[in-house]
């Protein structure tokens, strides 16, 4: 085996994934010239060009595409070997890169300082996005999503228990407009819409007891003065008294406990399955990922218990 057989393969895969020598250089912390030189050396050893280059784009040749497919699997095994060795360490360390949905932003932000203080050797990178991601192919250690949005071939670990969805508004809003008693009454309220990444506007889901079945599930288009592209912005607008927002109870609970928001329509709210962290089975549960999961669960368990008790108390009062 040639001693330089593996030289440049990581650089090649980064350029192929980013379709950019400059982006790969920024990620790896080297100059574009160094990236270009490394790729040329690799192409010389392979004996075929791997990229097609123009002033505006970088593409893969047929040889490059074949090389990428084979090399990606090999790198995955090498990474697994490193990570397996790191498991022997009692001190979690390294870059932990996570894909996080916007709806979890207000839930995860309060725990960031505590986590980074507790694990100074972990470099945490959070990418907030709502699209479906290929965690392995896009360089993530794991992703966080609501339960029903996780692919079947992923290992999923629960982060929060199931939680009711909620409609919330500020105390000032309810003092001025009153609380709706049924979902149909939202027609007379200002509702804050969320536009999804694909362009559609999110519909609000509700449930109601029905004679024909245990419950009747239905969705509603709501109207109001504001449409945003993220749940965090909708909650901020709701706190300001702009209107009513729709979210997940465990996310909103800190704002409810601070009396910045109040709920309504509690008996009509469906249950969200909760948040899960997911990752390919080949990665298993690395120490750095285990540390994050443990810290998250410890931070949110008290909050979740409080929310459940409060919801049960409201149902009992009714």
Protein backbone atom coordinates (compact mmCIF):
# COMPACT_ATOMS: atom_id res chain seq x y z
CA UNK A 1 0.00 0.00 0.00
CA UNK A 2 1.27 3.48 -0.86
CA UNK A 3 2.04 5.64 2.15
CA UNK A 4 0.20 8.60 0.59
CA UNK A 5 -2.89 6.61 -0.40
CA UNK A 6 -5.25 8.49 1.94
CA UNK A 7 -3.71 11.94 1.50
CA UNK A 8 -6.18 14.54 0.30
CA UNK A 9 -9.33 12.41 0.52
CA UNK A 10 -10.94 14.49 3.29
CA UNK A 11 -10.15 17.65 1.30
CA UNK A 12 -11.68 16.06 -1.81
CA UNK A 13 -14.92 15.14 -0.02
CA UNK A 14 -15.27 18.63 1.48
CA UNK A 15 -14.89 20.26 -1.95
CA UNK A 16 -17.34 17.75 -3.45
CA UNK A 17 -19.94 18.35 -0.72
CA UNK A 18 -19.64 22.15 -0.85
CA UNK A 19 -19.08 22.36 -4.63
CA UNK A 20 -16.57 25.08 -3.77
CA UNK A 21 -12.83 25.21 -3.15
CA UNK A 22 -13.28 28.42 -1.14
CA UNK A 23 -16.01 26.98 1.12
CA UNK A 24 -13.92 23.86 1.74
CA UNK A 25 -10.93 26.03 2.61
CA UNK A 26 -12.97 28.02 5.14
CA UNK A 27 -14.29 24.84 6.75
CA UNK A 28 -10.85 23.25 7.01
CA UNK A 29 -9.04 26.44 8.03
CA UNK A 30 -6.58 26.55 5.11
CA UNK A 31 -6.17 28.67 1.99
CA UNK A 32 -7.99 27.94 -1.32
CA UNK A 33 -4.55 27.55 -2.92
CA UNK A 34 -3.70 24.76 -0.48
CA UNK A 35 -7.01 23.05 -1.26
CA UNK A 36 -6.35 23.31 -5.02
CA UNK A 37 -2.82 21.92 -4.66
CA UNK A 38 -4.03 18.98 -2.55
CA UNK A 39 -6.76 18.11 -5.08
CA UNK A 40 -4.27 18.27 -7.97
CA UNK A 41 -1.95 15.89 -6.12
CA UNK A 42 -4.84 13.49 -5.51
CA UNK A 43 -5.91 13.64 -9.15
CA UNK A 44 -2.33 12.89 -10.19
CA UNK A 45 -2.29 9.77 -8.01
CA UNK A 46 -5.74 8.68 -9.22
CA UNK A 47 -4.75 9.28 -12.82
CA UNK A 48 -7.97 11.05 -13.79
CA UNK A 49 -9.56 14.47 -13.22
CA UNK A 50 -12.07 14.45 -10.37
CA UNK A 51 -13.58 17.91 -10.78
CA UNK A 52 -14.78 20.08 -13.62
CA UNK A 53 -13.92 23.69 -12.86
CA UNK A 54 -15.25 26.95 -14.28
CA UNK A 55 -15.00 30.49 -12.97
CA UNK A 56 -18.47 30.11 -11.43
CA UNK A 57 -18.90 26.49 -10.42
CA UNK A 58 -17.24 23.24 -9.40
CA UNK A 59 -18.67 19.92 -10.52
CA UNK A 60 -17.72 16.25 -10.35
CA UNK A 61 -16.50 14.25 -13.31
CA UNK A 62 -17.75 10.69 -13.73
CA UNK A 63 -14.54 9.49 -12.09
CA UNK A 64 -15.02 12.05 -9.33
CA UNK A 65 -18.58 10.91 -8.64
CA UNK A 66 -17.49 7.26 -8.41
CA UNK A 67 -14.54 8.21 -6.21
CA UNK A 68 -16.81 10.22 -3.88
CA UNK A 69 -19.28 7.36 -3.45
CA UNK A 70 -16.53 4.96 -2.45
CA UNK A 71 -14.48 7.43 -0.40
CA UNK A 72 -17.42 8.66 1.69
CA UNK A 73 -18.04 5.18 3.07
CA UNK A 74 -14.34 4.77 3.83
CA UNK A 75 -14.14 8.08 5.69
CA UNK A 76 -17.18 7.09 7.72
CA UNK A 77 -15.35 3.99 8.94
CA UNK A 78 -12.21 5.99 9.74
CA UNK A 79 -14.28 8.52 11.71
CA UNK A 80 -15.97 5.65 13.53
CA UNK A 81 -12.52 4.30 14.46
CA UNK A 82 -11.46 7.65 15.91
CA UNK A 83 -14.73 7.98 17.78
CA UNK A 84 -14.54 4.44 19.13
CA UNK A 85 -11.12 5.24 20.58
CA UNK A 86 -12.42 8.51 22.03
CA UNK A 87 -15.12 6.60 23.91
CA UNK A 88 -12.37 5.34 26.20
CA UNK A 89 -11.91 8.90 27.45
CA UNK A 90 -13.96 10.09 30.41
CA UNK A 91 -13.80 13.65 29.09
CA UNK A 92 -16.18 14.31 26.16
CA UNK A 93 -14.45 16.43 23.55
CA UNK A 94 -14.47 17.57 19.95
CA UNK A 95 -16.83 19.36 17.56
CA UNK A 96 -20.52 18.53 18.08
CA UNK A 97 -22.51 19.75 15.07
CA UNK A 98 -26.31 19.60 15.36
CA UNK A 99 -29.21 20.46 13.05
CA UNK A 100 -31.94 22.06 15.18
CA UNK A 101 -35.48 23.15 14.19
CA UNK A 102 -36.47 26.75 14.79
CA UNK A 103 -39.30 25.62 17.07
CA UNK A 104 -36.70 24.32 19.57
CA UNK A 105 -34.74 27.58 19.66
CA UNK A 106 -36.34 29.02 22.78
CA UNK A 107 -36.00 25.63 24.48
CA UNK A 108 -32.31 25.13 23.77
CA UNK A 109 -30.97 28.67 24.19
CA UNK A 110 -31.35 28.87 28.01
CA UNK A 111 -29.18 25.78 28.50
CA UNK A 112 -26.28 26.80 26.24
CA UNK A 113 -24.14 28.59 28.81
CA UNK A 114 -24.57 25.81 31.35
CA UNK A 115 -23.63 23.16 28.80
CA UNK A 116 -20.57 24.98 27.45
CA UNK A 117 -19.40 25.67 31.01
CA UNK A 118 -19.89 22.02 32.00
CA UNK A 119 -18.10 20.66 28.89
CA UNK A 120 -15.36 23.12 27.88
CA UNK A 121 -13.71 20.58 25.57
CA UNK A 122 -16.82 20.29 23.39
CA UNK A 123 -17.18 22.80 20.56
CA UNK A 124 -20.93 23.06 19.97
CA UNK A 125 -22.19 24.18 16.55
CA UNK A 126 -25.97 24.64 16.13
CA UNK A 127 -27.54 25.09 12.71
CA UNK A 128 -31.16 26.22 12.96
CA UNK A 129 -33.26 24.99 10.01
CA UNK A 130 -36.59 23.29 9.39
CA UNK A 131 -35.79 21.29 6.26
CA UNK A 132 -35.17 17.56 6.19
CA UNK A 133 -31.44 16.91 6.52
CA UNK A 134 -29.14 14.03 5.72
CA UNK A 135 -27.16 14.14 8.94
CA UNK A 136 -24.43 11.80 7.73
CA UNK A 137 -24.10 13.23 4.24
CA UNK A 138 -24.12 16.85 5.41
CA UNK A 139 -21.56 16.54 8.15
CA UNK A 140 -23.83 16.63 11.22
CA UNK A 141 -23.29 14.49 14.29
CA UNK A 142 -27.03 14.46 14.91
CA UNK A 143 -30.28 16.28 14.29
CA UNK A 144 -33.14 17.34 16.56
CA UNK A 145 -36.72 17.14 15.31
CA UNK A 146 -40.28 16.56 16.49
CA UNK A 147 -40.88 12.79 16.65
CA UNK A 148 -43.00 12.23 13.56
CA UNK A 149 -40.44 13.95 11.32
CA UNK A 150 -37.59 11.45 11.77
CA UNK A 151 -36.61 8.96 9.05
CA UNK A 152 -37.15 5.30 9.89
CA UNK A 153 -33.48 4.36 9.37
CA UNK A 154 -32.23 6.72 12.10
CA UNK A 155 -31.57 5.92 15.75
CA UNK A 156 -33.81 8.27 17.75
CA UNK A 157 -33.41 9.15 21.43
CA UNK A 158 -36.18 11.04 23.20
CA UNK A 159 -35.29 14.48 24.55
CA UNK A 160 -38.69 15.58 25.86
CA UNK A 161 -41.92 13.85 26.73
CA UNK A 162 -45.05 14.32 24.67
CA UNK A 163 -46.46 17.79 25.20
CA UNK A 164 -49.72 19.54 24.30
CA UNK A 165 -49.69 22.15 21.60
CA UNK A 166 -50.78 25.57 22.76
CA UNK A 167 -52.34 28.81 21.57
CA UNK A 168 -50.85 31.69 23.54
CA UNK A 169 -51.20 35.44 23.85
CA UNK A 170 -49.98 38.15 26.17
CA UNK A 171 -51.96 39.08 29.29
CA UNK A 172 -52.50 42.53 27.77
CA UNK A 173 -53.93 41.02 24.57
CA UNK A 174 -56.40 38.86 26.47
CA UNK A 175 -57.37 41.74 28.73
CA UNK A 176 -58.24 43.75 25.62
CA UNK A 177 -59.73 41.07 23.37
CA UNK A 178 -60.77 38.28 25.73
CA UNK A 179 -59.97 34.58 25.30
CA UNK A 180 -61.57 32.49 22.55
CA UNK A 181 -63.61 29.59 23.94
CA UNK A 182 -63.68 27.55 20.72
CA UNK A 183 -61.28 27.38 17.75
CA UNK A 184 -63.94 28.87 15.46
CA UNK A 185 -63.77 32.08 17.49
CA UNK A 186 -60.19 32.64 16.27
CA UNK A 187 -61.84 34.25 13.24
CA UNK A 188 -62.36 37.30 15.46
CA UNK A 189 -58.80 37.37 16.79
CA UNK A 190 -55.43 38.48 15.45
CA UNK A 191 -53.38 35.34 14.76
CA UNK A 192 -49.68 35.26 13.93
CA UNK A 193 -48.99 32.99 10.97
CA UNK A 194 -45.79 31.10 10.21
CA UNK A 195 -44.67 30.54 6.63
CA UNK A 196 -42.83 27.24 6.21
CA UNK A 197 -39.61 26.75 4.24
CA UNK A 198 -41.55 25.37 1.26
CA UNK A 199 -43.74 28.47 1.08
CA UNK A 200 -46.94 27.14 2.64
CA UNK A 201 -48.47 28.80 5.69
CA UNK A 202 -48.71 26.54 8.74
CA UNK A 203 -52.27 25.47 9.60
CA UNK A 204 -53.30 25.28 13.25
CA UNK A 205 -54.33 21.78 14.40
CA UNK A 206 -57.07 21.09 16.92
CA UNK A 207 -59.01 18.13 18.34
CA UNK A 208 -62.55 17.85 19.70
CA UNK A 209 -64.58 14.99 21.21
CA UNK A 210 -66.94 13.50 18.63
CA UNK A 211 -69.89 11.10 18.78
CA UNK A 212 -68.62 9.15 15.78
CA UNK A 213 -65.13 8.59 17.24
CA UNK A 214 -63.06 9.34 20.31
CA UNK A 215 -61.89 12.67 18.93
CA UNK A 216 -62.27 14.71 15.78
CA UNK A 217 -59.04 16.18 14.46
CA UNK A 218 -59.17 19.22 12.22
CA UNK A 219 -56.94 22.04 10.96
CA UNK A 220 -57.68 25.70 10.43
CA UNK A 221 -56.29 28.53 8.35
CA UNK A 222 -56.05 31.58 10.60
CA UNK A 223 -55.70 35.23 9.73
CA UNK A 224 -53.92 38.12 11.32
CA UNK A 225 -51.69 41.15 10.86
CA UNK A 226 -48.36 39.32 10.82
CA UNK A 227 -46.70 36.39 9.04
CA UNK A 228 -43.18 35.32 10.03
CA UNK A 229 -40.84 32.48 9.06
CA UNK A 230 -39.94 31.24 12.52
CA UNK A 231 -41.71 30.20 15.75
CA UNK A 232 -39.33 32.26 17.87
CA UNK A 233 -40.38 35.46 16.12
CA UNK A 234 -44.06 34.55 16.48
CA UNK A 235 -43.63 34.12 20.25
CA UNK A 236 -41.81 37.44 20.51
CA UNK A 237 -44.65 39.11 18.62
CA UNK A 238 -47.20 37.43 20.88
CA UNK A 239 -45.39 38.73 23.96
CA UNK A 240 -45.59 42.22 22.47
CA UNK A 241 -49.37 41.89 22.17
CA UNK A 242 -49.48 41.63 18.37
CA UNK A 243 -51.72 38.57 18.44
CA UNK A 244 -52.02 34.87 19.24
CA UNK A 245 -49.29 32.33 18.46
CA UNK A 246 -49.38 28.54 18.02
CA UNK A 247 -46.55 26.42 19.38
CA UNK A 248 -45.60 23.41 21.52
CA UNK A 249 -46.25 23.58 25.25
CA UNK A 250 -42.79 22.55 26.42
CA UNK A 251 -41.27 25.31 24.29
CA UNK A 252 -43.57 28.04 25.58
CA UNK A 253 -43.67 26.96 29.24
CA UNK A 254 -40.76 29.20 30.37
CA UNK A 255 -42.60 32.23 29.00
CA UNK A 256 -45.83 31.11 30.69
CA UNK A 257 -44.06 30.68 34.04
CA UNK A 258 -42.70 34.23 33.68
CA UNK A 259 -46.28 35.37 33.03
CA UNK A 260 -45.27 36.80 29.67
CA UNK A 261 -47.81 34.58 27.88
CA UNK A 262 -51.07 32.84 28.75
CA UNK A 263 -52.78 29.89 27.08
CA UNK A 264 -56.29 29.47 25.73
CA UNK A 265 -58.34 26.71 24.04
CA UNK A 266 -56.60 24.12 26.26
CA UNK A 267 -59.26 21.41 25.82
CA UNK A 268 -58.98 21.57 22.02
CA UNK A 269 -55.23 21.11 21.74
CA UNK A 270 -53.62 17.98 20.23
CA UNK A 271 -50.48 16.44 21.67
CA UNK A 272 -47.05 16.81 20.11
CA UNK A 273 -44.94 13.62 20.35
CA UNK A 274 -41.99 15.56 21.77
CA UNK A 275 -38.48 16.24 20.55
CA UNK A 276 -36.01 13.52 19.59
CA UNK A 277 -32.33 13.62 18.73
CA UNK A 278 -31.45 11.30 15.86
CA UNK A 279 -28.26 10.00 14.27
CA UNK A 280 -27.08 7.15 12.02
CA UNK A 281 -26.63 3.86 13.80
CA UNK A 282 -22.99 3.65 12.70
CA UNK A 283 -22.12 6.59 14.96
CA UNK A 284 -23.75 5.05 18.04
CA UNK A 285 -23.84 7.38 21.07
CA UNK A 286 -20.50 9.21 21.22
CA UNK A 287 -19.38 10.74 24.55
CA UNK A 288 -19.86 14.29 23.27
CA UNK A 289 -23.37 13.46 22.05
CA UNK A 290 -24.23 11.55 25.22
CA UNK A 291 -23.12 14.55 27.27
CA UNK A 292 -25.46 16.83 25.31
CA UNK A 293 -28.43 14.45 25.60
CA UNK A 294 -27.92 13.99 29.35
CA UNK A 295 -27.65 17.73 29.93
CA UNK A 296 -30.74 18.48 27.82
CA UNK A 297 -32.84 15.87 29.63
CA UNK A 298 -31.76 17.11 33.05
CA UNK A 299 -32.52 20.71 32.09
CA UNK A 300 -35.97 20.03 30.66
CA UNK A 301 -37.31 17.31 32.98
CA UNK A 302 -38.44 19.74 35.69
CA UNK A 303 -39.98 22.03 33.08
CA UNK A 304 -41.87 19.15 31.47
CA UNK A 305 -43.21 17.88 34.81
CA UNK A 306 -44.45 21.36 35.65
CA UNK A 307 -46.21 21.67 32.29
CA UNK A 308 -47.91 18.28 32.63
CA UNK A 309 -49.17 19.03 36.14
CA UNK A 310 -50.47 22.41 35.03
CA UNK A 311 -52.28 20.92 32.02
CA UNK A 312 -53.88 18.18 34.14
CA UNK A 313 -54.98 20.76 36.70
CA UNK A 314 -56.69 22.82 34.02
CA UNK A 315 -58.53 19.81 32.62
CA UNK A 316 -59.65 18.83 36.14
CA UNK A 317 -60.94 22.35 36.83
CA UNK A 318 -63.05 22.21 33.67
